PDB file of all heavy atoms in Angstrom:
ATOM      1  N   GLY A   1       0.776  -1.250   0.003  1.00  0.00           N
ATOM      2  CA  GLY A   1      -0.002  -0.004   0.000  1.00  0.00           C
ATOM      3  C   GLY A   1       0.793   1.290  -0.002  1.00  0.00           C
ATOM      4  O   GLY A   1       0.215   2.370  -0.171  1.00  0.00           O
ATOM      5  N   THR A   2       2.114   1.226   0.161  1.00  0.00           N
ATOM      6  CA  THR A   2       2.935   2.447   0.156  1.00  0.00           C
ATOM      7  C   THR A   2       3.655   2.655  -1.156  1.00  0.00           C
ATOM      8  O   THR A   2       4.379   3.637  -1.327  1.00  0.00           O
ATOM      9  CB  THR A   2       3.969   2.404   1.295  1.00  0.00           C
ATOM     10  OG1 THR A   2       4.829   1.298   1.105  1.00  0.00           O
ATOM     11  CG2 THR A   2       3.281   2.316   2.659  1.00  0.00           C
ATOM     12  N   ILE A   3       3.483   1.700  -2.107  1.00  0.00           N
ATOM     13  CA  ILE A   3       4.197   1.810  -3.386  1.00  0.00           C
ATOM     14  C   ILE A   3       3.243   1.628  -4.536  1.00  0.00           C
ATOM     15  O   ILE A   3       2.102   1.166  -4.365  1.00  0.00           O
ATOM     16  CB  ILE A   3       5.343   0.771  -3.475  1.00  0.00           C
ATOM     17  CG1 ILE A   3       4.785  -0.652  -3.311  1.00  0.00           C
ATOM     18  CG2 ILE A   3       6.440   1.052  -2.461  1.00  0.00           C
ATOM     19  CD1 ILE A   3       5.812  -1.747  -3.488  1.00  0.00           C
ATOM     20  N   GLU A   4       3.706   1.940  -5.741  1.00  0.00           N
ATOM     21  CA  GLU A   4       2.964   1.717  -6.972  1.00  0.00           C
ATOM     22  C   GLU A   4       3.966   1.509  -8.099  1.00  0.00           C
ATOM     23  O   GLU A   4       5.166   1.806  -7.944  1.00  0.00           O
ATOM     24  CB  GLU A   4       2.031   2.882  -7.273  1.00  0.00           C
ATOM     25  CG  GLU A   4       2.737   4.213  -7.461  1.00  0.00           C
ATOM     26  CD  GLU A   4       1.784   5.406  -7.514  1.00  0.00           C
ATOM     27  OE1 GLU A   4       0.613   5.228  -7.129  1.00  0.00           O
ATOM     28  OE2 GLU A   4       2.218   6.485  -7.942  1.00  0.00           O
ATOM     29  N   VAL A   5       3.472   1.000  -9.231  1.00  0.00           N
ATOM     30  CA  VAL A   5       4.348   0.768 -10.376  1.00  0.00           C
ATOM     31  C   VAL A   5       3.911   1.669 -11.528  1.00  0.00           C
ATOM     32  O   VAL A   5       2.765   1.570 -12.001  1.00  0.00           O
ATOM     33  CB  VAL A   5       4.306  -0.714 -10.802  1.00  0.00           C
ATOM     34  CG1 VAL A   5       5.157  -0.941 -12.044  1.00  0.00           C
ATOM     35  CG2 VAL A   5       4.773  -1.617  -9.667  1.00  0.00           C
ATOM     36  N   ALA A   6       4.805   2.538 -11.949  1.00  0.00           N
ATOM     37  CA  ALA A   6       4.551   3.402 -13.100  1.00  0.00           C
ATOM     38  C   ALA A   6       4.811   2.589 -14.369  1.00  0.00           C
ATOM     39  O   ALA A   6       5.910   2.111 -14.605  1.00  0.00           O
ATOM     40  CB  ALA A   6       5.454   4.633 -13.058  1.00  0.00           C
ATOM     41  N   VAL A   7       3.767   2.449 -15.202  1.00  0.00           N
ATOM     42  CA  VAL A   7       3.830   1.521 -16.330  1.00  0.00           C
ATOM     43  C   VAL A   7       4.633   2.098 -17.496  1.00  0.00           C
ATOM     44  O   VAL A   7       4.426   3.243 -17.918  1.00  0.00           O
ATOM     45  CB  VAL A   7       2.410   1.155 -16.792  1.00  0.00           C
ATOM     46  CG1 VAL A   7       2.464   0.325 -18.063  1.00  0.00           C
ATOM     47  CG2 VAL A   7       1.694   0.378 -15.694  1.00  0.00           C
ATOM     48  N   GLU A   8       5.532   1.284 -18.027  1.00  0.00           N
ATOM     49  CA  GLU A   8       6.294   1.639 -19.222  1.00  0.00           C
ATOM     50  C   GLU A   8       5.927   0.740 -20.405  1.00  0.00           C
ATOM     51  O   GLU A   8       6.097   1.112 -21.563  1.00  0.00           O
ATOM     52  CB  GLU A   8       7.799   1.543 -18.932  1.00  0.00           C
ATOM     53  CG  GLU A   8       8.253   2.535 -17.851  1.00  0.00           C
ATOM     54  CD  GLU A   8       9.684   2.297 -17.388  1.00  0.00           C
ATOM     55  OE1 GLU A   8      10.358   1.423 -17.959  1.00  0.00           O
ATOM     56  OE2 GLU A   8      10.115   2.992 -16.457  1.00  0.00           O
ATOM     57  N   GLU A   9       5.405  -0.458 -20.086  1.00  0.00           N
ATOM     58  CA  GLU A   9       4.926  -1.371 -21.131  1.00  0.00           C
ATOM     59  C   GLU A   9       3.737  -2.150 -20.581  1.00  0.00           C
ATOM     60  O   GLU A   9       3.762  -2.627 -19.442  1.00  0.00           O
ATOM     61  CB  GLU A   9       6.045  -2.366 -21.543  1.00  0.00           C
ATOM     62  CG  GLU A   9       5.600  -3.337 -22.612  1.00  0.00           C
ATOM     63  CD  GLU A   9       6.647  -4.413 -22.885  1.00  0.00           C
ATOM     64  OE1 GLU A   9       7.726  -4.391 -22.243  1.00  0.00           O
ATOM     65  OE2 GLU A   9       6.377  -5.304 -23.735  1.00  0.00           O
ATOM     66  N   LEU A  10       2.704  -2.291 -21.408  1.00  0.00           N
ATOM     67  CA  LEU A  10       1.495  -3.015 -21.002  1.00  0.00           C
ATOM     68  C   LEU A  10       1.092  -3.962 -22.121  1.00  0.00           C
ATOM     69  O   LEU A  10       0.972  -3.550 -23.280  1.00  0.00           O
ATOM     70  CB  LEU A  10       0.353  -2.038 -20.695  1.00  0.00           C
ATOM     71  CG  LEU A  10      -0.988  -2.673 -20.315  1.00  0.00           C
ATOM     72  CD1 LEU A  10      -0.889  -3.389 -18.977  1.00  0.00           C
ATOM     73  CD2 LEU A  10      -2.094  -1.607 -20.256  1.00  0.00           C
ATOM     74  N   ARG A  11       0.897  -5.214 -21.757  1.00  0.00           N
ATOM     75  CA  ARG A  11       0.391  -6.203 -22.725  1.00  0.00           C
ATOM     76  C   ARG A  11      -0.928  -6.766 -22.192  1.00  0.00           C
ATOM     77  O   ARG A  11      -1.023  -7.142 -21.021  1.00  0.00           O
ATOM     78  CB  ARG A  11       1.379  -7.341 -22.908  1.00  0.00           C
ATOM     79  CG  ARG A  11       2.751  -6.933 -23.442  1.00  0.00           C
ATOM     80  CD  ARG A  11       3.598  -8.152 -23.737  1.00  0.00           C
ATOM     81  NE  ARG A  11       4.999  -7.802 -23.969  1.00  0.00           N
ATOM     82  CZ  ARG A  11       5.922  -8.665 -24.350  1.00  0.00           C
ATOM     83  NH1 ARG A  11       5.612  -9.962 -24.532  1.00  0.00           N
ATOM     84  NH2 ARG A  11       7.181  -8.274 -24.529  1.00  0.00           N
ATOM     85  N   ILE A  12      -1.921  -6.795 -23.063  1.00  0.00           N
ATOM     86  CA  ILE A  12      -3.195  -7.439 -22.730  1.00  0.00           C
ATOM     87  C   ILE A  12      -3.148  -8.846 -23.304  1.00  0.00           C
ATOM     88  O   ILE A  12      -3.183  -9.045 -24.521  1.00  0.00           O
ATOM     89  CB  ILE A  12      -4.396  -6.663 -23.297  1.00  0.00           C
ATOM     90  CG1 ILE A  12      -4.431  -5.243 -22.710  1.00  0.00           C
ATOM     91  CG2 ILE A  12      -5.703  -7.409 -22.981  1.00  0.00           C
ATOM     92  CD1 ILE A  12      -5.550  -4.371 -23.262  1.00  0.00           C
ATOM     93  N   LEU A  13      -3.029  -9.846 -22.435  1.00  0.00           N
ATOM     94  CA  LEU A  13      -2.861 -11.233 -22.848  1.00  0.00           C
ATOM     95  C   LEU A  13      -4.192 -11.925 -23.078  1.00  0.00           C
ATOM     96  O   LEU A  13      -4.273 -12.902 -23.829  1.00  0.00           O
ATOM     97  CB  LEU A  13      -2.045 -11.999 -21.808  1.00  0.00           C
ATOM     98  CG  LEU A  13      -0.660 -11.417 -21.474  1.00  0.00           C
ATOM     99  CD1 LEU A  13       0.018 -12.248 -20.410  1.00  0.00           C
ATOM    100  CD2 LEU A  13       0.205 -11.298 -22.734  1.00  0.00           C
ATOM    101  N   ASN A  14      -5.250 -11.467 -22.384  1.00  0.00           N
ATOM    102  CA  ASN A  14      -6.578 -12.045 -22.600  1.00  0.00           C
ATOM    103  C   ASN A  14      -7.626 -11.134 -21.982  1.00  0.00           C
ATOM    104  O   ASN A  14      -7.327 -10.336 -21.081  1.00  0.00           O
ATOM    105  CB  ASN A  14      -6.683 -13.443 -21.985  1.00  0.00           C
ATOM    106  CG  ASN A  14      -7.598 -14.360 -22.785  1.00  0.00           C
ATOM    107  OD1 ASN A  14      -8.417 -13.897 -23.572  1.00  0.00           O
ATOM    108  ND2 ASN A  14      -7.465 -15.664 -22.586  1.00  0.00           N
ATOM    109  N   THR A  15      -8.849 -11.244 -22.516  1.00  0.00           N
ATOM    110  CA  THR A  15      -9.976 -10.482 -22.012  1.00  0.00           C
ATOM    111  C   THR A  15     -10.810 -11.361 -21.077  1.00  0.00           C
ATOM    112  O   THR A  15     -10.470 -12.530 -20.836  1.00  0.00           O
ATOM    113  CB  THR A  15     -10.844  -9.975 -23.162  1.00  0.00           C
ATOM    114  OG1 THR A  15     -11.336 -11.095 -23.911  1.00  0.00           O
ATOM    115  CG2 THR A  15     -10.049  -9.041 -24.077  1.00  0.00           C
ATOM    116  N   CYS A  16     -11.904 -10.854 -20.569  1.00  0.00           N
ATOM    117  CA  CYS A  16     -12.771 -11.607 -19.654  1.00  0.00           C
ATOM    118  C   CYS A  16     -14.218 -11.239 -19.919  1.00  0.00           C
ATOM    119  O   CYS A  16     -14.545 -10.063 -20.062  1.00  0.00           O
ATOM    120  CB  CYS A  16     -12.393 -11.288 -18.207  1.00  0.00           C
ATOM    121  SG  CYS A  16     -13.412 -12.137 -16.985  1.00  0.00           S
ATOM    122  N   ASP A  17     -15.080 -12.247 -20.008  1.00  0.00           N
ATOM    123  CA  ASP A  17     -16.519 -12.005 -20.146  1.00  0.00           C
ATOM    124  C   ASP A  17     -17.066 -11.330 -18.888  1.00  0.00           C
ATOM    125  O   ASP A  17     -16.379 -11.249 -17.862  1.00  0.00           O
ATOM    126  CB  ASP A  17     -17.257 -13.317 -20.375  1.00  0.00           C
ATOM    127  CG  ASP A  17     -17.092 -13.821 -21.819  1.00  0.00           C
ATOM    128  OD1 ASP A  17     -16.554 -13.059 -22.656  1.00  0.00           O
ATOM    129  OD2 ASP A  17     -17.498 -14.974 -22.075  1.00  0.00           O
ATOM    130  N   ILE A  18     -18.346 -10.920 -18.970  1.00  0.00           N
ATOM    131  CA  ILE A  18     -19.019 -10.357 -17.792  1.00  0.00           C
ATOM    132  C   ILE A  18     -19.040 -11.404 -16.687  1.00  0.00           C
ATOM    133  O   ILE A  18     -19.440 -12.554 -16.902  1.00  0.00           O
ATOM    134  CB  ILE A  18     -20.432  -9.893 -18.135  1.00  0.00           C
ATOM    135  CG1 ILE A  18     -20.368  -8.755 -19.161  1.00  0.00           C
ATOM    136  CG2 ILE A  18     -21.178  -9.433 -16.882  1.00  0.00           C
ATOM    137  CD1 ILE A  18     -21.727  -8.345 -19.702  1.00  0.00           C
ATOM    138  N   LEU A  19     -18.592 -11.023 -15.512  1.00  0.00           N
ATOM    139  CA  LEU A  19     -18.450 -11.981 -14.403  1.00  0.00           C
ATOM    140  C   LEU A  19     -19.799 -12.339 -13.798  1.00  0.00           C
ATOM    141  O   LEU A  19     -20.665 -11.467 -13.624  1.00  0.00           O
ATOM    142  CB  LEU A  19     -17.555 -11.380 -13.321  1.00  0.00           C
ATOM    143  CG  LEU A  19     -16.083 -11.142 -13.699  1.00  0.00           C
ATOM    144  CD1 LEU A  19     -15.408 -10.266 -12.666  1.00  0.00           C
ATOM    145  CD2 LEU A  19     -15.349 -12.453 -13.862  1.00  0.00           C
ATOM    146  N   PRO A  20     -20.004 -13.615 -13.417  1.00  0.00           N
ATOM    147  CA  PRO A  20     -21.248 -14.015 -12.733  1.00  0.00           C
ATOM    148  C   PRO A  20     -21.285 -13.542 -11.275  1.00  0.00           C
ATOM    149  O   PRO A  20     -22.347 -13.504 -10.664  1.00  0.00           O
ATOM    150  CB  PRO A  20     -21.210 -15.534 -12.811  1.00  0.00           C
ATOM    151  CG  PRO A  20     -19.767 -15.891 -12.945  1.00  0.00           C
ATOM    152  CD  PRO A  20     -19.136 -14.777 -13.711  1.00  0.00           C
ATOM    153  N   PHE A  21     -20.122 -13.207 -10.723  1.00  0.00           N
ATOM    154  CA  PHE A  21     -20.050 -12.648  -9.372  1.00  0.00           C
ATOM    155  C   PHE A  21     -18.698 -11.942  -9.253  1.00  0.00           C
ATOM    156  O   PHE A  21     -17.757 -12.252  -9.986  1.00  0.00           O
ATOM    157  CB  PHE A  21     -20.213 -13.712  -8.279  1.00  0.00           C
ATOM    158  CG  PHE A  21     -19.326 -14.922  -8.433  1.00  0.00           C
ATOM    159  CD1 PHE A  21     -17.994 -14.895  -8.031  1.00  0.00           C
ATOM    160  CD2 PHE A  21     -19.819 -16.096  -8.971  1.00  0.00           C
ATOM    161  CE1 PHE A  21     -17.175 -16.003  -8.178  1.00  0.00           C
ATOM    162  CE2 PHE A  21     -19.013 -17.216  -9.124  1.00  0.00           C
ATOM    163  CZ  PHE A  21     -17.688 -17.174  -8.713  1.00  0.00           C
ATOM    164  N   PRO A  22     -18.594 -10.994  -8.332  1.00  0.00           N
ATOM    165  CA  PRO A  22     -17.333 -10.256  -8.193  1.00  0.00           C
ATOM    166  C   PRO A  22     -16.217 -11.133  -7.608  1.00  0.00           C
ATOM    167  O   PRO A  22     -16.469 -12.011  -6.783  1.00  0.00           O
ATOM    168  CB  PRO A  22     -17.680  -9.112  -7.252  1.00  0.00           C
ATOM    169  CG  PRO A  22     -18.895  -9.554  -6.515  1.00  0.00           C
ATOM    170  CD  PRO A  22     -19.640 -10.456  -7.432  1.00  0.00           C
ATOM    171  N   ILE A  23     -14.987 -10.882  -8.047  1.00  0.00           N
ATOM    172  CA  ILE A  23     -13.823 -11.626  -7.520  1.00  0.00           C
ATOM    173  C   ILE A  23     -13.339 -10.873  -6.278  1.00  0.00           C
ATOM    174  O   ILE A  23     -12.401 -10.079  -6.311  1.00  0.00           O
ATOM    175  CB  ILE A  23     -12.710 -11.726  -8.571  1.00  0.00           C
ATOM    176  CG1 ILE A  23     -13.260 -12.251  -9.893  1.00  0.00           C
ATOM    177  CG2 ILE A  23     -11.588 -12.619  -8.052  1.00  0.00           C
ATOM    178  CD1 ILE A  23     -13.893 -13.618  -9.810  1.00  0.00           C
ATOM    179  N   GLU A  24     -14.023 -11.093  -5.182  1.00  0.00           N
ATOM    180  CA  GLU A  24     -13.700 -10.455  -3.918  1.00  0.00           C
ATOM    181  C   GLU A  24     -14.193 -11.305  -2.776  1.00  0.00           C
ATOM    182  O   GLU A  24     -15.012 -12.215  -2.976  1.00  0.00           O
ATOM    183  CB  GLU A  24     -14.309  -9.045  -3.851  1.00  0.00           C
ATOM    184  CG  GLU A  24     -15.835  -9.036  -3.964  1.00  0.00           C
ATOM    185  CD  GLU A  24     -16.412  -7.651  -4.114  1.00  0.00           C
ATOM    186  OE1 GLU A  24     -15.751  -6.801  -4.740  1.00  0.00           O
ATOM    187  OE2 GLU A  24     -17.542  -7.415  -3.619  1.00  0.00           O
ATOM    188  N   ASP A  25     -13.730 -11.032  -1.568  1.00  0.00           N
ATOM    189  CA  ASP A  25     -14.134 -11.809  -0.402  1.00  0.00           C
ATOM    190  C   ASP A  25     -15.519 -11.401   0.081  1.00  0.00           C
ATOM    191  O   ASP A  25     -16.043 -10.353  -0.287  1.00  0.00           O
ATOM    192  CB  ASP A  25     -13.107 -11.626   0.724  1.00  0.00           C
ATOM    193  CG  ASP A  25     -11.751 -12.240   0.381  1.00  0.00           C
ATOM    194  OD1 ASP A  25     -11.713 -13.091  -0.527  1.00  0.00           O
ATOM    195  OD2 ASP A  25     -10.743 -11.877   1.017  1.00  0.00           O
ATOM    196  N   ASN A  26     -16.111 -12.277   0.914  1.00  0.00           N
ATOM    197  CA  ASN A  26     -17.399 -12.006   1.581  1.00  0.00           C
ATOM    198  C   ASN A  26     -18.514 -11.724   0.590  1.00  0.00           C
ATOM    199  O   ASN A  26     -19.321 -10.799   0.762  1.00  0.00           O
ATOM    200  CB  ASN A  26     -17.265 -10.829   2.555  1.00  0.00           C
ATOM    201  CG  ASN A  26     -16.188 -11.057   3.602  1.00  0.00           C
ATOM    202  OD1 ASN A  26     -16.110 -12.127   4.202  1.00  0.00           O
ATOM    203  ND2 ASN A  26     -15.326 -10.067   3.797  1.00  0.00           N
ATOM    204  N   ILE A  27     -18.591 -12.519  -0.486  1.00  0.00           N
ATOM    205  CA  ILE A  27     -19.659 -12.339  -1.463  1.00  0.00           C
ATOM    206  C   ILE A  27     -20.902 -13.123  -1.032  1.00  0.00           C
ATOM    207  O   ILE A  27     -20.787 -14.146  -0.353  1.00  0.00           O
ATOM    208  CB  ILE A  27     -19.215 -12.789  -2.865  1.00  0.00           C
ATOM    209  CG1 ILE A  27     -18.736 -14.253  -2.857  1.00  0.00           C
ATOM    210  CG2 ILE A  27     -18.131 -11.851  -3.409  1.00  0.00           C
ATOM    211  CD1 ILE A  27     -18.417 -14.793  -4.245  1.00  0.00           C
TER     212      ILE A  27
END
């Protein structure tokens, strides 16, 4: 939480369909 990465190169390797539920805890 005290750092971040400034992007110099970005590759999109795959997409994702609309999710049936969120990818998070306590759903």
